[in-house]
PDB file of N, CA and C in Angstrom:
ATOM      1  N   MET A   1     233.562 217.220-112.351  1.00  0.00           N
ATOM      2  CA  MET A   1     233.987 218.323-111.531  1.00  0.00           C
ATOM      3  C   MET A   1     233.318 218.179-110.167  1.00  0.00           C
ATOM      4  N   ALA A   2     234.032 218.508-109.129  1.00  0.00           N
ATOM      5  CA  ALA A   2     233.526 218.438-107.757  1.00  0.00           C
ATOM      6  C   ALA A   2     233.431 219.842-107.182  1.00  0.00           C
ATOM      7  N   THR A   3     232.627 219.985-106.143  1.00  0.00           N
ATOM      8  CA  THR A   3     232.466 221.274-105.489  1.00  0.00           C
ATOM      9  C   THR A   3     233.030 221.189-104.080  1.00  0.00           C
ATOM     10  N   ILE A   4     233.817 222.181-103.717  1.00  0.00           N
ATOM     11  CA  ILE A   4     234.378 222.284-102.373  1.00  0.00           C
ATOM     12  C   ILE A   4     233.831 223.559-101.751  1.00  0.00           C
ATOM     13  N   THR A   5     233.324 223.458-100.533  1.00  0.00           N
ATOM     14  CA  THR A   5     232.832 224.623 -99.818  1.00  0.00           C
ATOM     15  C   THR A   5     233.833 224.959 -98.727  1.00  0.00           C
ATOM     16  N   LEU A   6     234.276 226.202 -98.709  1.00  0.00           N
ATOM     17  CA  LEU A   6     235.239 226.646 -97.701  1.00  0.00           C
ATOM     18  C   LEU A   6     234.591 227.643 -96.758  1.00  0.00           C
ATOM     19  N   LYS A   7     234.897 227.510 -95.495  1.00  0.00           N
ATOM     20  CA  LYS A   7     234.516 228.512 -94.510  1.00  0.00           C
ATOM     21  C   LYS A   7     235.815 229.044 -93.936  1.00  0.00           C
ATOM     22  N   TYR A   8     235.957 230.352 -93.927  1.00  0.00           N
ATOM     23  CA  TYR A   8     237.186 230.944 -93.430  1.00  0.00           C
ATOM     24  C   TYR A   8     236.872 232.275 -92.761  1.00  0.00           C
ATOM     25  N   ASP A   9     237.804 232.721 -91.942  1.00  0.00           N
ATOM     26  CA  ASP A   9     237.656 233.997 -91.255  1.00  0.00           C
ATOM     27  C   ASP A   9     238.055 235.096 -92.236  1.00  0.00           C
ATOM     28  N   GLU A  10     237.078 235.823 -92.738  1.00  0.00           N
ATOM     29  CA  GLU A  10     237.360 236.849 -93.746  1.00  0.00           C
ATOM     30  C   GLU A  10     238.141 238.025 -93.178  1.00  0.00           C
ATOM     31  N   HIS A  11     238.267 238.086 -91.851  1.00  0.00           N
ATOM     32  CA  HIS A  11     239.039 239.161 -91.221  1.00  0.00           C
ATOM     33  C   HIS A  11     240.481 238.745 -90.960  1.00  0.00           C
ATOM     34  N   ASN A  12     240.806 237.488 -91.225  1.00  0.00           N
ATOM     35  CA  ASN A  12     242.147 236.968 -91.007  1.00  0.00           C
ATOM     36  C   ASN A  12     242.943 237.103 -92.301  1.00  0.00           C
ATOM     37  N   ALA A  13     244.015 237.894 -92.240  1.00  0.00           N
ATOM     38  CA  ALA A  13     244.813 238.161 -93.440  1.00  0.00           C
ATOM     39  C   ALA A  13     245.426 236.882 -94.011  1.00  0.00           C
ATOM     40  N   ALA A  14     245.879 235.986 -93.149  1.00  0.00           N
ATOM     41  CA  ALA A  14     246.508 234.748 -93.622  1.00  0.00           C
ATOM     42  C   ALA A  14     245.507 233.878 -94.378  1.00  0.00           C
ATOM     43  N   SER A  15     244.269 233.793 -93.884  1.00  0.00           N
ATOM     44  CA  SER A  15     243.274 232.965 -94.575  1.00  0.00           C
ATOM     45  C   SER A  15     242.881 233.582 -95.910  1.00  0.00           C
ATOM     46  N   ARG A  16     242.765 234.905 -95.980  1.00  0.00           N
ATOM     47  CA  ARG A  16     242.460 235.569 -97.257  1.00  0.00           C
ATOM     48  C   ARG A  16     243.598 235.366 -98.252  1.00  0.00           C
ATOM     49  N   MET A  17     244.831 235.448 -97.766  1.00  0.00           N
ATOM     50  CA  MET A  17     245.993 235.273 -98.640  1.00  0.00           C
ATOM     51  C   MET A  17     246.024 233.847 -99.198  1.00  0.00           C
ATOM     52  N   MET A  18     245.747 232.859 -98.346  1.00  0.00           N
ATOM     53  CA  MET A  18     245.749 231.467 -98.799  1.00  0.00           C
ATOM     54  C   MET A  18     244.644 231.239 -99.825  1.00  0.00           C
ATOM     55  N   LEU A  19     243.463 231.787 -99.586  1.00  0.00           N
ATOM     56  CA  LEU A  19     242.370 231.651-100.539  1.00  0.00           C
ATOM     57  C   LEU A  19     242.746 232.283-101.878  1.00  0.00           C
ATOM     58  N   ASN A  20     243.329 233.465-101.852  1.00  0.00           N
ATOM     59  CA  ASN A  20     243.756 234.125-103.094  1.00  0.00           C
ATOM     60  C   ASN A  20     244.793 233.298-103.832  1.00  0.00           C
ATOM     61  N   ARG A  21     245.717 232.695-103.108  1.00  0.00           N
ATOM     62  CA  ARG A  21     246.726 231.843-103.756  1.00  0.00           C
ATOM     63  C   ARG A  21     246.076 230.644-104.428  1.00  0.00           C
ATOM     64  N   MET A  22     245.117 230.035-103.742  1.00  0.00           N
ATOM     65  CA  MET A  22     244.443 228.867-104.326  1.00  0.00           C
ATOM     66  C   MET A  22     243.694 229.256-105.589  1.00  0.00           C
ATOM     67  N   LEU A  23     242.997 230.389-105.578  1.00  0.00           N
ATOM     68  CA  LEU A  23     242.244 230.817-106.759  1.00  0.00           C
ATOM     69  C   LEU A  23     243.186 231.207-107.901  1.00  0.00           C
ATOM     70  N   ARG A  24     244.293 231.855-107.584  1.00  0.00           N
ATOM     71  CA  ARG A  24     245.252 232.248-108.630  1.00  0.00           C
ATOM     72  C   ARG A  24     245.950 231.048-109.252  1.00  0.00           C
ATOM     73  N   SER A  25     246.000 229.932-108.528  1.00  0.00           N
ATOM     74  CA  SER A  25     246.687 228.749-109.063  1.00  0.00           C
ATOM     75  C   SER A  25     245.992 228.221-110.323  1.00  0.00           C
ATOM     76  N   GLY A  26     244.694 228.543-110.478  1.00  0.00           N
ATOM     77  CA  GLY A  26     243.954 228.059-111.631  1.00  0.00           C
ATOM     78  C   GLY A  26     243.357 226.678-111.419  1.00  0.00           C
ATOM     79  N   LEU A  27     243.664 226.046-110.301  1.00  0.00           N
ATOM     80  CA  LEU A  27     243.127 224.726-110.014  1.00  0.00           C
ATOM     81  C   LEU A  27     241.709 224.798-109.459  1.00  0.00           C
ATOM     82  N   PHE A  28     241.350 225.970-108.923  1.00  0.00           N
ATOM     83  CA  PHE A  28     240.040 226.154-108.313  1.00  0.00           C
ATOM     84  C   PHE A  28     239.357 227.354-108.953  1.00  0.00           C
ATOM     85  N   LEU A  29     238.044 227.298-109.051  1.00  0.00           N
ATOM     86  CA  LEU A  29     237.259 228.393-109.603  1.00  0.00           C
ATOM     87  C   LEU A  29     236.320 228.915-108.527  1.00  0.00           C
ATOM     88  N   ASP A  30     236.098 230.203-108.523  1.00  0.00           N
ATOM     89  CA  ASP A  30     235.172 230.825-107.594  1.00  0.00           C
ATOM     90  C   ASP A  30     233.783 230.774-108.213  1.00  0.00           C
ATOM     91  N   GLN A  31     232.935 229.892-107.714  1.00  0.00           N
ATOM     92  CA  GLN A  31     231.606 229.685-108.293  1.00  0.00           C
ATOM     93  C   GLN A  31     230.780 230.965-108.280  1.00  0.00           C
ATOM     94  N   GLU A  32     230.902 231.767-107.229  1.00  0.00           N
ATOM     95  CA  GLU A  32     230.146 233.013-107.156  1.00  0.00           C
ATOM     96  C   GLU A  32     230.562 233.963-108.274  1.00  0.00           C
ATOM     97  N   SER A  33     231.840 234.004-108.595  1.00  0.00           N
ATOM     98  CA  SER A  33     232.307 234.863-109.685  1.00  0.00           C
ATOM     99  C   SER A  33     231.763 234.380-111.024  1.00  0.00           C
ATOM    100  N   ILE A  34     231.728 233.075-111.206  1.00  0.00           N
ATOM    101  CA  ILE A  34     231.211 232.513-112.455  1.00  0.00           C
ATOM    102  C   ILE A  34     229.731 232.852-112.602  1.00  0.00           C
ATOM    103  N   GLU A  35     228.969 232.673-111.523  1.00  0.00           N
ATOM    104  CA  GLU A  35     227.539 232.966-111.577  1.00  0.00           C
ATOM    105  C   GLU A  35     227.281 234.453-111.794  1.00  0.00           C
ATOM    106  N   GLU A  36     228.072 235.309-111.151  1.00  0.00           N
ATOM    107  CA  GLU A  36     227.918 236.755-111.344  1.00  0.00           C
ATOM    108  C   GLU A  36     228.243 237.133-112.788  1.00  0.00           C
ATOM    109  N   HIS A  37     229.284 236.526-113.360  1.00  0.00           N
ATOM    110  CA  HIS A  37     229.639 236.781-114.753  1.00  0.00           C
ATOM    111  C   HIS A  37     228.485 236.375-115.681  1.00  0.00           C
ATOM    112  N   ARG A  38     227.881 235.233-115.407  1.00  0.00           N
ATOM    113  CA  ARG A  38     226.759 234.781-116.238  1.00  0.00           C
ATOM    114  C   ARG A  38     225.575 235.742-116.146  1.00  0.00           C
ATOM    115  N   ARG A  39     225.278 236.231-114.923  1.00  0.00           N
ATOM    116  CA  ARG A  39     224.177 237.177-114.769  1.00  0.00           C
ATOM    117  C   ARG A  39     224.453 238.467-115.532  1.00  0.00           C
ATOM    118  N   LEU A  40     225.686 238.976-115.427  1.00  0.00           N
ATOM    119  CA  LEU A  40     226.036 240.204-116.140  1.00  0.00           C
ATOM    120  C   LEU A  40     225.980 240.002-117.652  1.00  0.00           C
ATOM    121  N   ARG A  41     226.468 238.845-118.112  1.00  0.00           N
ATOM    122  CA  ARG A  41     226.444 238.542-119.545  1.00  0.00           C
ATOM    123  C   ARG A  41     225.008 238.470-120.056  1.00  0.00           C
ATOM    124  N   ASP A  42     224.158 237.779-119.319  1.00  0.00           N
ATOM    125  CA  ASP A  42     222.762 237.648-119.733  1.00  0.00           C
ATOM    126  C   ASP A  42     222.050 238.998-119.749  1.00  0.00           C
ATOM    127  N   ALA A  43     222.350 239.833-118.766  1.00  0.00           N
ATOM    128  CA  ALA A  43     221.743 241.171-118.725  1.00  0.00           C
ATOM    129  C   ALA A  43     222.211 241.998-119.916  1.00  0.00           C
ATOM    130  N   ALA A  44     223.492 241.884-120.272  1.00  0.00           N
ATOM    131  CA  ALA A  44     224.014 242.624-121.419  1.00  0.00           C
ATOM    132  C   ALA A  44     223.369 242.148-122.716  1.00  0.00           C
ATOM    133  N   VAL A  45     223.166 240.847-122.843  1.00  0.00           N
ATOM    134  CA  VAL A  45     222.523 240.305-124.045  1.00  0.00           C
ATOM    135  C   VAL A  45     221.097 240.811-124.153  1.00  0.00           C
ATOM    136  N   ARG A  46     220.351 240.780-123.032  1.00  0.00           N
ATOM    137  CA  ARG A  46     218.966 241.266-123.060  1.00  0.00           C
ATOM    138  C   ARG A  46     218.907 242.744-123.431  1.00  0.00           C
ATOM    139  N   THR A  47     219.815 243.546-122.879  1.00  0.00           N
ATOM    140  CA  THR A  47     219.852 244.980-123.198  1.00  0.00           C
ATOM    141  C   THR A  47     220.175 245.196-124.668  1.00  0.00           C
ATOM    142  N   SER A  48     221.141 244.444-125.186  1.00  0.00           N
ATOM    143  CA  SER A  48     221.500 244.566-126.600  1.00  0.00           C
ATOM    144  C   SER A  48     220.335 244.197-127.503  1.00  0.00           C
ATOM    145  N   GLN A  49     219.658 243.125-127.146  1.00  0.00           N
ATOM    146  CA  GLN A  49     218.510 242.704-127.959  1.00  0.00           C
ATOM    147  C   GLN A  49     217.408 243.759-127.936  1.00  0.00           C
ATOM    148  N   LYS A  50     217.170 244.329-126.775  1.00  0.00           N
ATOM    149  CA  LYS A  50     216.129 245.350-126.649  1.00  0.00           C
ATOM    150  C   LYS A  50     216.516 246.601-127.453  1.00  0.00           C
ATOM    151  N   ASN A  51     217.780 246.993-127.376  1.00  0.00           N
ATOM    152  CA  ASN A  51     218.231 248.188-128.091  1.00  0.00           C
ATOM    153  C   ASN A  51     218.261 247.984-129.601  1.00  0.00           C
ATOM    154  N   MET A  52     218.536 246.778-130.050  1.00  0.00           N
ATOM    155  CA  MET A  52     218.640 246.513-131.484  1.00  0.00           C
ATOM    156  C   MET A  52     217.292 246.233-132.134  1.00  0.00           C
ATOM    157  N   ALA A  53     216.280 245.930-131.333  1.00  0.00           N
ATOM    158  CA  ALA A  53     214.990 245.554-131.897  1.00  0.00           C
ATOM    159  C   ALA A  53     214.438 246.628-132.814  1.00  0.00           C
ATOM    160  N   SER A  54     214.471 247.883-132.400  1.00  0.00           N
ATOM    161  CA  SER A  54     213.922 248.950-133.253  1.00  0.00           C
ATOM    162  C   SER A  54     214.785 249.149-134.498  1.00  0.00           C
ATOM    163  N   PHE A  55     216.082 249.028-134.383  1.00  0.00           N
ATOM    164  CA  PHE A  55     216.982 249.155-135.528  1.00  0.00           C
ATOM    165  C   PHE A  55     216.696 248.052-136.556  1.00  0.00           C
ATOM    166  N   ILE A  56     216.578 246.840-136.076  1.00  0.00           N
ATOM    167  CA  ILE A  56     216.306 245.704-136.981  1.00  0.00           C
ATOM    168  C   ILE A  56     214.945 245.893-137.650  1.00  0.00           C
ATOM    169  N   GLU A  57     213.974 246.315-136.863  1.00  0.00           N
ATOM    170  CA  GLU A  57     212.622 246.533-137.391  1.00  0.00           C
ATOM    171  C   GLU A  57     212.627 247.601-138.474  1.00  0.00           C
ATOM    172  N   LYS A  58     213.432 248.633-138.288  1.00  0.00           N
ATOM    173  CA  LYS A  58     213.452 249.752-139.217  1.00  0.00           C
ATOM    174  C   LYS A  58     214.207 249.438-140.512  1.00  0.00           C
ATOM    175  N   TYR A  59     215.332 248.742-140.404  1.00  0.00           N
ATOM    176  CA  TYR A  59     216.207 248.563-141.563  1.00  0.00           C
ATOM    177  C   TYR A  59     216.156 247.172-142.191  1.00  0.00           C
ATOM    178  N   ILE A  60     215.499 246.246-141.570  1.00  0.00           N
ATOM    179  CA  ILE A  60     215.485 244.891-142.140  1.00  0.00           C
ATOM    180  C   ILE A  60     214.090 244.516-142.540  1.00  0.00           C
TER     181      ILE A  60
END
Protein backbone atom coordinates (compact mmCIF):
# COMPACT_ATOMS: atom_id res chain seq x y z
CA MET A 1 0.00 0.00 0.00
CA ALA A 2 1.24 3.50 -0.80
CA THR A 3 0.45 6.83 0.82
CA ILE A 4 -0.63 9.90 -1.13
CA THR A 5 -0.67 13.32 0.51
CA LEU A 6 -3.07 15.87 -0.95
CA LYS A 7 -3.11 19.60 -0.42
CA TYR A 8 -6.26 21.35 -1.53
CA ASP A 9 -8.19 24.54 -0.95
CA GLU A 10 -10.77 23.50 1.63
CA HIS A 11 -12.82 26.60 0.76
CA ASN A 12 -13.09 25.60 -2.91
CA ALA A 13 -16.30 23.66 -3.55
CA ALA A 14 -14.91 21.93 -6.65
CA SER A 15 -11.85 20.61 -4.79
CA ARG A 16 -13.98 19.34 -1.88
CA MET A 17 -16.35 17.65 -4.34
CA MET A 18 -13.46 15.94 -6.16
CA LEU A 19 -11.96 14.74 -2.87
CA ASN A 20 -15.34 13.34 -1.78
CA ARG A 21 -15.70 11.53 -5.11
CA MET A 22 -12.26 9.98 -4.76
CA LEU A 23 -12.98 8.78 -1.21
CA ARG A 24 -16.42 7.41 -2.16
CA SER A 25 -14.87 5.44 -5.03
CA GLY A 26 -13.37 3.07 -2.45
CA LEU A 27 -9.97 3.22 -4.13
CA PHE A 28 -8.62 5.63 -1.51
CA LEU A 29 -8.88 5.64 2.28
CA ASP A 30 -8.81 8.65 4.56
CA GLN A 31 -5.94 7.86 6.94
CA GLU A 32 -7.15 10.40 9.50
CA SER A 33 -10.55 8.69 9.64
CA ILE A 34 -8.90 5.30 10.12
CA GLU A 35 -6.71 6.61 12.93
CA GLU A 36 -9.65 8.36 14.61
CA HIS A 37 -11.68 5.14 14.39
CA ARG A 38 -8.83 3.22 16.03
CA ARG A 39 -8.57 5.77 18.86
CA LEU A 40 -12.32 5.62 19.49
CA ARG A 41 -12.29 1.81 19.38
CA ASP A 42 -9.39 1.60 21.82
CA ALA A 43 -11.06 4.06 24.18
CA ALA A 44 -14.28 2.03 24.08
CA VAL A 45 -12.37 -1.18 24.83
CA ARG A 46 -10.59 0.42 27.80
CA THR A 47 -13.89 1.76 29.16
CA SER A 48 -15.55 -1.63 28.76
CA GLN A 49 -12.70 -3.37 30.52
CA LYS A 50 -12.79 -0.88 33.37
CA ASN A 51 -16.57 -1.19 33.74
CA MET A 52 -16.54 -4.99 33.61
CA ALA A 53 -13.67 -5.44 36.06
CA SER A 54 -15.86 -5.17 39.17
CA PHE A 55 -18.55 -7.41 37.64
CA ILE A 56 -16.00 -10.10 36.77
CA GLU A 57 -14.42 -9.80 40.21
CA LYS A 58 -17.79 -10.19 41.90
CA TYR A 59 -19.29 -13.05 39.88
CA ILE A 60 -16.31 -15.04 38.64
